[in-house]
Amino acid sequence: MTAYPKINGEHADPSRLLVHDILRREWCYNGFVMSDWGGLNDIVPSILATTALEMPRPPLWYGKALLKAGKAEHVFETEHIDPGVRRLLVLLRKTRALISEREN
């Protein structure tokens, strides 16, 4: 989960340095990253930094604002979207969130 406070003058959720370079590359974290509660600050940089989920619902940024910004800035390329979707599906599978009551 990204943090509320700015780090070196930059919000955590859209920070490619913090989320992608340090968390993912340097620390080898390949899991799911979501915003803190109401802590998403800028949709396109957040997606590019690999912050995949905005908390809470209903989405402030990952709704209509995402569609508008995504089309304008070509964020909907599979190279940007697929990794976040893949990480979300892995999380849902690990937590058995996709299994119905009958399958338990």
N, C-alpha and C. Protein backbone atom coordinates (compact mmCIF):
# COMPACT_ATOMS: atom_id res chain seq x y z
N MET A 1 0.85 -1.16 0.00
CA MET A 1 0.00 0.00 0.00
C MET A 1 0.90 1.23 0.00
N THR A 2 0.57 2.17 -0.88
CA THR A 2 1.34 3.41 -0.90
C THR A 2 0.97 4.27 0.30
N ALA A 3 1.79 5.25 0.61
CA ALA A 3 1.62 6.07 1.80
C ALA A 3 0.99 7.42 1.49
N TYR A 4 0.40 8.04 2.51
CA TYR A 4 -0.16 9.39 2.38
C TYR A 4 0.92 10.46 2.25
N PRO A 5 1.93 10.47 3.14
CA PRO A 5 2.87 11.59 3.12
C PRO A 5 3.74 11.60 1.87
N LYS A 6 4.16 12.80 1.52
CA LYS A 6 5.10 12.93 0.41
C LYS A 6 6.47 12.45 0.89
N ILE A 7 7.20 11.86 -0.02
CA ILE A 7 8.55 11.39 0.27
C ILE A 7 9.46 12.12 -0.70
N ASN A 8 10.38 12.89 -0.16
CA ASN A 8 11.25 13.75 -0.98
C ASN A 8 10.43 14.65 -1.89
N GLY A 9 9.30 15.17 -1.36
CA GLY A 9 8.47 16.10 -2.11
C GLY A 9 7.54 15.47 -3.12
N GLU A 10 7.44 14.15 -3.15
CA GLU A 10 6.63 13.45 -4.15
C GLU A 10 5.66 12.49 -3.47
N HIS A 11 4.40 12.48 -3.94
CA HIS A 11 3.44 11.50 -3.43
C HIS A 11 3.93 10.10 -3.80
N ALA A 12 3.62 9.12 -2.97
CA ALA A 12 4.12 7.76 -3.17
C ALA A 12 3.43 7.03 -4.33
N ASP A 13 2.11 7.19 -4.47
CA ASP A 13 1.39 6.38 -5.47
C ASP A 13 1.83 6.63 -6.91
N PRO A 14 2.12 7.87 -7.34
CA PRO A 14 2.56 8.02 -8.72
C PRO A 14 4.08 8.00 -8.88
N SER A 15 4.80 7.68 -7.82
CA SER A 15 6.26 7.73 -7.87
C SER A 15 6.85 6.47 -8.50
N ARG A 16 7.33 6.62 -9.71
CA ARG A 16 7.97 5.50 -10.38
C ARG A 16 9.23 5.08 -9.61
N LEU A 17 9.92 6.05 -9.06
CA LEU A 17 11.12 5.74 -8.27
C LEU A 17 10.78 4.86 -7.08
N LEU A 18 9.75 5.23 -6.31
CA LEU A 18 9.41 4.47 -5.10
C LEU A 18 8.76 3.13 -5.40
N VAL A 19 7.72 3.14 -6.24
CA VAL A 19 6.94 1.91 -6.45
C VAL A 19 7.62 0.96 -7.42
N HIS A 20 8.07 1.46 -8.53
CA HIS A 20 8.64 0.58 -9.56
C HIS A 20 10.12 0.29 -9.32
N ASP A 21 10.91 1.35 -9.22
CA ASP A 21 12.36 1.16 -9.14
C ASP A 21 12.81 0.56 -7.81
N ILE A 22 12.36 1.14 -6.69
CA ILE A 22 12.81 0.64 -5.39
C ILE A 22 12.04 -0.60 -4.96
N LEU A 23 10.70 -0.48 -4.86
CA LEU A 23 9.89 -1.60 -4.36
C LEU A 23 10.01 -2.83 -5.25
N ARG A 24 9.84 -2.65 -6.54
CA ARG A 24 9.81 -3.81 -7.44
C ARG A 24 11.20 -4.27 -7.87
N ARG A 25 12.02 -3.36 -8.32
CA ARG A 25 13.34 -3.78 -8.83
C ARG A 25 14.36 -4.03 -7.73
N GLU A 26 14.54 -3.04 -6.86
CA GLU A 26 15.58 -3.17 -5.83
C GLU A 26 15.19 -4.19 -4.75
N TRP A 27 13.95 -4.16 -4.30
CA TRP A 27 13.51 -5.06 -3.23
C TRP A 27 12.86 -6.33 -3.78
N CYS A 28 12.76 -6.47 -5.09
CA CYS A 28 12.22 -7.66 -5.77
C CYS A 28 10.79 -8.01 -5.36
N TYR A 29 9.97 -7.00 -5.08
CA TYR A 29 8.56 -7.24 -4.74
C TYR A 29 7.75 -7.33 -6.02
N ASN A 30 7.06 -8.44 -6.22
CA ASN A 30 6.27 -8.62 -7.43
C ASN A 30 4.77 -8.69 -7.13
N GLY A 31 4.39 -8.27 -5.93
CA GLY A 31 2.98 -8.36 -5.54
C GLY A 31 2.17 -7.16 -5.97
N PHE A 32 0.99 -7.09 -5.40
CA PHE A 32 -0.03 -6.11 -5.73
C PHE A 32 0.19 -4.83 -4.92
N VAL A 33 0.08 -3.67 -5.55
CA VAL A 33 0.21 -2.39 -4.87
C VAL A 33 -1.08 -1.60 -5.04
N MET A 34 -1.62 -1.12 -3.90
CA MET A 34 -2.83 -0.30 -3.95
C MET A 34 -2.56 1.01 -3.22
N SER A 35 -3.44 1.99 -3.46
CA SER A 35 -3.29 3.27 -2.79
C SER A 35 -3.76 3.16 -1.35
N ASP A 36 -3.29 4.07 -0.52
CA ASP A 36 -3.84 4.18 0.82
C ASP A 36 -5.27 4.70 0.68
N TRP A 37 -6.06 4.64 1.73
CA TRP A 37 -7.49 5.00 1.69
C TRP A 37 -7.64 6.46 1.26
N GLY A 38 -8.13 6.66 0.04
CA GLY A 38 -8.29 8.01 -0.49
C GLY A 38 -6.98 8.68 -0.83
N GLY A 39 -5.93 7.89 -0.98
CA GLY A 39 -4.60 8.45 -1.15
C GLY A 39 -4.06 8.45 -2.57
N LEU A 40 -4.91 8.26 -3.57
CA LEU A 40 -4.43 8.31 -4.95
C LEU A 40 -4.40 9.76 -5.40
N ASN A 41 -3.32 10.17 -6.03
CA ASN A 41 -3.13 11.57 -6.37
C ASN A 41 -3.14 11.89 -7.84
N ASP A 42 -2.70 10.99 -8.69
CA ASP A 42 -2.64 11.27 -10.12
C ASP A 42 -2.69 9.94 -10.87
N ILE A 43 -3.72 9.75 -11.67
CA ILE A 43 -4.02 8.44 -12.23
C ILE A 43 -2.97 7.91 -13.20
N VAL A 44 -2.58 8.68 -14.19
CA VAL A 44 -1.66 8.16 -15.20
C VAL A 44 -0.30 7.82 -14.61
N PRO A 45 0.35 8.73 -13.87
CA PRO A 45 1.62 8.35 -13.25
C PRO A 45 1.49 7.17 -12.28
N SER A 46 0.35 7.05 -11.60
CA SER A 46 0.15 5.93 -10.68
C SER A 46 0.13 4.60 -11.43
N ILE A 47 -0.56 4.55 -12.55
CA ILE A 47 -0.59 3.32 -13.36
C ILE A 47 0.81 3.01 -13.89
N LEU A 48 1.50 4.02 -14.38
CA LEU A 48 2.84 3.80 -14.92
C LEU A 48 3.82 3.38 -13.82
N ALA A 49 3.57 3.80 -12.58
CA ALA A 49 4.42 3.39 -11.46
C ALA A 49 4.04 2.01 -10.94
N THR A 50 2.96 1.45 -11.43
CA THR A 50 2.40 0.12 -11.11
C THR A 50 1.57 0.08 -9.84
N THR A 51 0.96 1.22 -9.45
CA THR A 51 -0.06 1.22 -8.41
C THR A 51 -1.35 0.78 -9.08
N ALA A 52 -1.87 -0.39 -8.70
CA ALA A 52 -2.93 -1.03 -9.50
C ALA A 52 -4.35 -0.85 -8.99
N LEU A 53 -4.54 -0.38 -7.76
CA LEU A 53 -5.90 -0.30 -7.23
C LEU A 53 -6.06 0.95 -6.38
N GLU A 54 -7.15 1.64 -6.60
CA GLU A 54 -7.48 2.81 -5.80
C GLU A 54 -8.43 2.40 -4.67
N MET A 55 -8.09 2.76 -3.45
CA MET A 55 -8.97 2.50 -2.31
C MET A 55 -9.59 3.80 -1.88
N PRO A 56 -10.80 3.89 -1.45
CA PRO A 56 -11.85 2.88 -1.43
C PRO A 56 -12.66 2.95 -2.70
N ARG A 57 -13.74 2.22 -2.72
CA ARG A 57 -14.70 2.33 -3.79
C ARG A 57 -15.82 3.23 -3.31
N PRO A 58 -16.51 3.97 -4.12
CA PRO A 58 -16.37 4.06 -5.57
C PRO A 58 -15.10 4.83 -5.93
N PRO A 59 -14.54 4.49 -7.08
CA PRO A 59 -13.27 5.09 -7.47
C PRO A 59 -13.39 6.58 -7.80
N LEU A 60 -12.43 7.32 -7.32
CA LEU A 60 -12.35 8.74 -7.64
C LEU A 60 -11.58 8.91 -8.95
N TRP A 61 -10.45 8.21 -9.04
CA TRP A 61 -9.58 8.32 -10.21
C TRP A 61 -9.74 7.15 -11.17
N TYR A 62 -9.96 5.96 -10.67
CA TYR A 62 -9.98 4.77 -11.52
C TYR A 62 -11.35 4.55 -12.15
N GLY A 63 -12.17 5.56 -12.24
CA GLY A 63 -13.48 5.48 -12.89
C GLY A 63 -13.43 6.26 -14.19
N LYS A 64 -14.32 7.24 -14.31
CA LYS A 64 -14.40 8.04 -15.54
C LYS A 64 -13.10 8.81 -15.80
N ALA A 65 -12.45 9.27 -14.73
CA ALA A 65 -11.19 9.99 -14.90
C ALA A 65 -10.13 9.11 -15.54
N LEU A 66 -10.13 7.83 -15.20
CA LEU A 66 -9.18 6.89 -15.80
C LEU A 66 -9.44 6.75 -17.29
N LEU A 67 -10.69 6.60 -17.67
CA LEU A 67 -11.02 6.44 -19.08
C LEU A 67 -10.60 7.66 -19.88
N LYS A 68 -10.89 8.84 -19.35
CA LYS A 68 -10.53 10.08 -20.04
C LYS A 68 -9.01 10.23 -20.14
N ALA A 69 -8.32 10.08 -19.03
CA ALA A 69 -6.87 10.24 -19.01
C ALA A 69 -6.18 9.14 -19.80
N GLY A 70 -6.69 7.93 -19.69
CA GLY A 70 -6.08 6.80 -20.39
C GLY A 70 -6.12 6.94 -21.89
N LYS A 71 -7.25 7.40 -22.40
CA LYS A 71 -7.37 7.60 -23.85
C LYS A 71 -6.46 8.73 -24.31
N ALA A 72 -6.41 9.80 -23.54
CA ALA A 72 -5.62 10.96 -23.93
C ALA A 72 -4.12 10.68 -23.87
N GLU A 73 -3.70 9.87 -22.92
CA GLU A 73 -2.26 9.66 -22.72
C GLU A 73 -1.80 8.24 -23.07
N HIS A 74 -2.62 7.48 -23.75
CA HIS A 74 -2.27 6.14 -24.25
C HIS A 74 -1.81 5.19 -23.15
N VAL A 75 -2.48 5.23 -22.01
CA VAL A 75 -2.13 4.37 -20.88
C VAL A 75 -2.69 2.97 -21.06
N PHE A 76 -3.65 2.80 -21.95
CA PHE A 76 -4.31 1.51 -22.10
C PHE A 76 -3.53 0.51 -22.94
N GLU A 77 -2.28 0.74 -23.14
CA GLU A 77 -1.44 -0.24 -23.81
C GLU A 77 -1.31 -1.44 -22.87
N THR A 78 -1.29 -2.63 -23.43
CA THR A 78 -1.25 -3.83 -22.58
C THR A 78 -0.01 -3.87 -21.68
N GLU A 79 1.06 -3.27 -22.10
CA GLU A 79 2.27 -3.27 -21.27
C GLU A 79 2.07 -2.53 -19.94
N HIS A 80 1.12 -1.60 -19.89
CA HIS A 80 0.85 -0.86 -18.66
C HIS A 80 -0.27 -1.49 -17.84
N ILE A 81 -1.26 -2.08 -18.49
CA ILE A 81 -2.44 -2.59 -17.81
C ILE A 81 -2.28 -4.05 -17.37
N ASP A 82 -1.75 -4.89 -18.23
CA ASP A 82 -1.68 -6.33 -17.94
C ASP A 82 -0.96 -6.70 -16.64
N PRO A 83 0.18 -6.08 -16.32
CA PRO A 83 0.84 -6.48 -15.06
C PRO A 83 -0.02 -6.24 -13.83
N GLY A 84 -0.74 -5.12 -13.78
CA GLY A 84 -1.61 -4.83 -12.64
C GLY A 84 -2.77 -5.81 -12.55
N VAL A 85 -3.36 -6.13 -13.70
CA VAL A 85 -4.46 -7.10 -13.73
C VAL A 85 -3.96 -8.47 -13.29
N ARG A 86 -2.80 -8.85 -13.79
CA ARG A 86 -2.22 -10.15 -13.43
C ARG A 86 -1.97 -10.24 -11.92
N ARG A 87 -1.41 -9.18 -11.34
CA ARG A 87 -1.14 -9.18 -9.90
C ARG A 87 -2.43 -9.23 -9.09
N LEU A 88 -3.48 -8.54 -9.57
CA LEU A 88 -4.77 -8.58 -8.88
C LEU A 88 -5.36 -9.99 -8.93
N LEU A 89 -5.30 -10.64 -10.07
CA LEU A 89 -5.83 -12.00 -10.19
C LEU A 89 -5.07 -12.98 -9.31
N VAL A 90 -3.76 -12.82 -9.21
CA VAL A 90 -2.97 -13.68 -8.32
C VAL A 90 -3.42 -13.47 -6.87
N LEU A 91 -3.62 -12.22 -6.48
CA LEU A 91 -4.09 -11.92 -5.12
C LEU A 91 -5.46 -12.53 -4.87
N LEU A 92 -6.38 -12.40 -5.81
CA LEU A 92 -7.72 -12.96 -5.66
C LEU A 92 -7.67 -14.48 -5.56
N ARG A 93 -6.78 -15.10 -6.34
CA ARG A 93 -6.65 -16.55 -6.27
C ARG A 93 -6.07 -16.99 -4.92
N LYS A 94 -5.04 -16.29 -4.45
CA LYS A 94 -4.42 -16.65 -3.17
C LYS A 94 -5.39 -16.50 -2.01
N THR A 95 -6.26 -15.52 -2.08
CA THR A 95 -7.22 -15.29 -0.99
C THR A 95 -8.53 -16.03 -1.22
N ARG A 96 -8.61 -16.79 -2.29
CA ARG A 96 -9.79 -17.58 -2.64
C ARG A 96 -11.03 -16.71 -2.84
N ALA A 97 -10.83 -15.47 -3.22
CA ALA A 97 -11.94 -14.53 -3.41
C ALA A 97 -12.77 -14.85 -4.64
N LEU A 98 -12.24 -15.62 -5.56
CA LEU A 98 -12.96 -15.96 -6.79
C LEU A 98 -13.72 -17.28 -6.68
N ILE A 99 -13.64 -17.93 -5.53
CA ILE A 99 -14.30 -19.23 -5.35
C ILE A 99 -15.68 -19.01 -4.76
N SER A 100 -16.68 -19.61 -5.36
CA SER A 100 -18.05 -19.45 -4.87
C SER A 100 -18.26 -20.26 -3.59
N GLU A 101 -19.34 -19.99 -2.91
CA GLU A 101 -19.68 -20.71 -1.68
C GLU A 101 -19.80 -22.21 -1.93
N ARG A 102 -20.35 -22.59 -3.08
CA ARG A 102 -20.53 -24.02 -3.39
C ARG A 102 -19.21 -24.75 -3.57
N GLU A 103 -18.18 -24.04 -4.00
CA GLU A 103 -16.89 -24.68 -4.24
C GLU A 103 -16.08 -24.85 -2.96
N ASN A 104 -16.46 -24.18 -1.89
CA ASN A 104 -15.70 -24.27 -0.62
C ASN A 104 -15.97 -25.56 0.09
